[in-house]
Amino acid sequence: MTFTERVHYIIGKVPEGLVASYGQIAALAGSPGAARQVGFVLRSSNPDELPWWRIINNAGVLSIKGSFEATKQLQKQLLEREGIMVSSGFVVDIESYRYRPKAKEIREFIALQRSEG
């Protein structure tokens, strides 16, 4: 499984009402330090295929660069629809809403890293 495929899979596992950081997704995908690459994957993905709005930076800031379809305002609306409080400055208390995978999920993500294709 490629890095992009692992990133897509892991982002799909972030439950409604929770968020994860770009760096957290990179680490779970087996590439700690590849937060920017997670951003590149998200920018090149179809926004209808993943819950992209649940991925924010580690400071809790909605740091999406935006496009016609995906903007900070849309990301804020989608997060708030899931019960996540977002400030007018586009900031989330990330520790209150952070996705913390259970041991079983972590083992699953490690197995994905070993199945590189």
Protein backbone atom coordinates (compact mmCIF):
# COMPACT_ATOMS: atom_id res chain seq x y z
CA MET A 1 0.00 0.00 0.00
CA THR A 2 1.43 3.38 -0.96
CA PHE A 3 1.79 6.36 1.38
CA THR A 4 -1.15 8.06 -0.37
CA GLU A 5 -3.34 4.99 0.05
CA ARG A 6 -2.41 4.73 3.74
CA VAL A 7 -3.17 8.43 4.28
CA HIS A 8 -6.58 8.05 2.61
CA TYR A 9 -7.35 4.97 4.69
CA ILE A 10 -6.33 6.57 8.00
CA ILE A 11 -8.18 9.82 7.32
CA GLY A 12 -11.26 7.71 6.60
CA LYS A 13 -10.92 6.24 10.09
CA VAL A 14 -11.05 9.62 11.89
CA PRO A 15 -14.53 9.53 13.46
CA GLU A 16 -17.14 12.22 13.14
CA GLY A 17 -16.72 14.82 15.88
CA LEU A 18 -12.95 14.37 16.14
CA VAL A 19 -9.92 15.85 14.37
CA ALA A 20 -6.36 14.78 13.66
CA SER A 21 -3.29 16.78 12.74
CA TYR A 22 -1.39 16.43 9.49
CA GLY A 23 1.60 15.19 11.48
CA GLN A 24 -0.49 12.67 13.37
CA ILE A 25 -1.78 11.21 10.11
CA ALA A 26 1.78 11.08 8.72
CA ALA A 27 3.03 9.24 11.82
CA LEU A 28 0.15 6.76 11.73
CA ALA A 29 0.92 6.17 8.05
CA GLY A 30 4.50 5.26 8.97
CA SER A 31 6.16 8.51 7.91
CA PRO A 32 6.69 10.73 10.95
CA GLY A 33 7.72 14.19 9.84
CA ALA A 34 5.74 14.00 6.60
CA ALA A 35 2.95 16.39 7.62
CA ARG A 36 3.38 18.50 4.49
CA GLN A 37 3.10 15.41 2.32
CA VAL A 38 -0.25 14.67 4.00
CA GLY A 39 -1.33 18.16 2.96
CA PHE A 40 -0.20 17.47 -0.61
CA VAL A 41 -2.18 14.21 -0.61
CA LEU A 42 -5.29 16.04 0.58
CA ARG A 43 -4.90 18.81 -2.01
CA SER A 44 -4.61 16.27 -4.81
CA SER A 45 -7.54 14.14 -3.63
CA ASN A 46 -11.19 14.36 -4.54
CA PRO A 47 -12.78 16.31 -1.66
CA ASP A 48 -15.90 14.17 -1.92
CA GLU A 49 -13.98 10.98 -1.14
CA LEU A 50 -12.58 11.74 2.35
CA PRO A 51 -13.49 13.69 5.47
CA TRP A 52 -10.70 16.21 4.71
CA TRP A 53 -12.21 18.81 7.06
CA ARG A 54 -11.21 16.70 10.09
CA ILE A 55 -7.50 17.26 9.40
CA ILE A 56 -6.02 20.43 10.91
CA ASN A 57 -2.59 21.58 11.97
CA ASN A 58 -1.15 20.54 15.34
CA ALA A 59 -1.78 23.98 16.84
CA GLY A 60 -5.50 23.49 16.13
CA VAL A 61 -5.57 26.00 13.29
CA LEU A 62 -7.56 25.38 10.14
CA SER A 63 -4.66 25.82 7.76
CA ILE A 64 -6.26 24.72 4.51
CA LYS A 65 -5.04 26.84 1.61
CA GLY A 66 -8.45 26.56 0.04
CA SER A 67 -9.89 26.26 -3.41
CA PHE A 68 -13.23 26.99 -4.98
CA GLU A 69 -14.65 23.86 -3.34
CA ALA A 70 -12.69 23.69 -0.09
CA THR A 71 -12.31 26.84 1.99
CA LYS A 72 -11.60 27.58 5.65
CA GLN A 73 -15.18 28.75 6.04
CA LEU A 74 -16.52 25.47 4.62
CA GLN A 75 -14.14 23.49 6.84
CA LYS A 76 -15.36 25.47 9.87
CA GLN A 77 -19.00 24.80 8.95
CA LEU A 78 -18.41 21.07 8.46
CA LEU A 79 -16.56 20.76 11.78
CA GLU A 80 -19.24 22.71 13.63
CA ARG A 81 -21.92 20.49 12.06
CA GLU A 82 -20.12 17.59 13.78
CA GLY A 83 -20.17 19.39 17.14
CA ILE A 84 -16.61 20.71 17.06
CA MET A 85 -16.26 24.27 18.31
CA VAL A 86 -14.22 26.48 15.96
CA SER A 87 -13.32 30.05 16.93
CA SER A 88 -13.88 33.01 14.65
CA GLY A 89 -10.10 32.88 14.07
CA PHE A 90 -10.49 29.34 12.67
CA VAL A 91 -8.93 27.60 15.70
CA VAL A 92 -10.00 24.34 17.37
CA ASP A 93 -8.98 23.18 20.85
CA ILE A 94 -7.26 20.20 19.27
CA GLU A 95 -6.63 18.35 22.52
CA SER A 96 -10.35 18.35 23.32
CA TYR A 97 -11.25 16.87 19.94
CA ARG A 98 -8.12 14.91 18.97
CA TYR A 99 -8.55 11.45 17.47
CA ARG A 100 -6.74 8.93 19.64
CA PRO A 101 -6.78 5.56 17.91
CA LYS A 102 -7.23 2.50 20.06
CA ALA A 103 -4.49 -0.15 20.25
CA LYS A 104 -6.33 -2.34 17.72
CA GLU A 105 -6.41 0.51 15.18
CA ILE A 106 -2.73 1.27 15.73
CA ARG A 107 -1.87 -2.38 15.06
CA GLU A 108 -3.95 -2.17 11.89
CA PHE A 109 -2.09 0.97 10.76
CA ILE A 110 1.27 -0.70 11.44
CA ALA A 111 0.18 -3.67 9.33
CA LEU A 112 -0.66 -1.24 6.49
CA GLN A 113 2.88 0.15 6.66
CA ARG A 114 4.28 -3.34 6.18
CA SER A 115 2.10 -3.96 3.13
CA GLU A 116 3.80 -1.42 0.88
CA GLY A 117 3.08 -1.99 -2.75
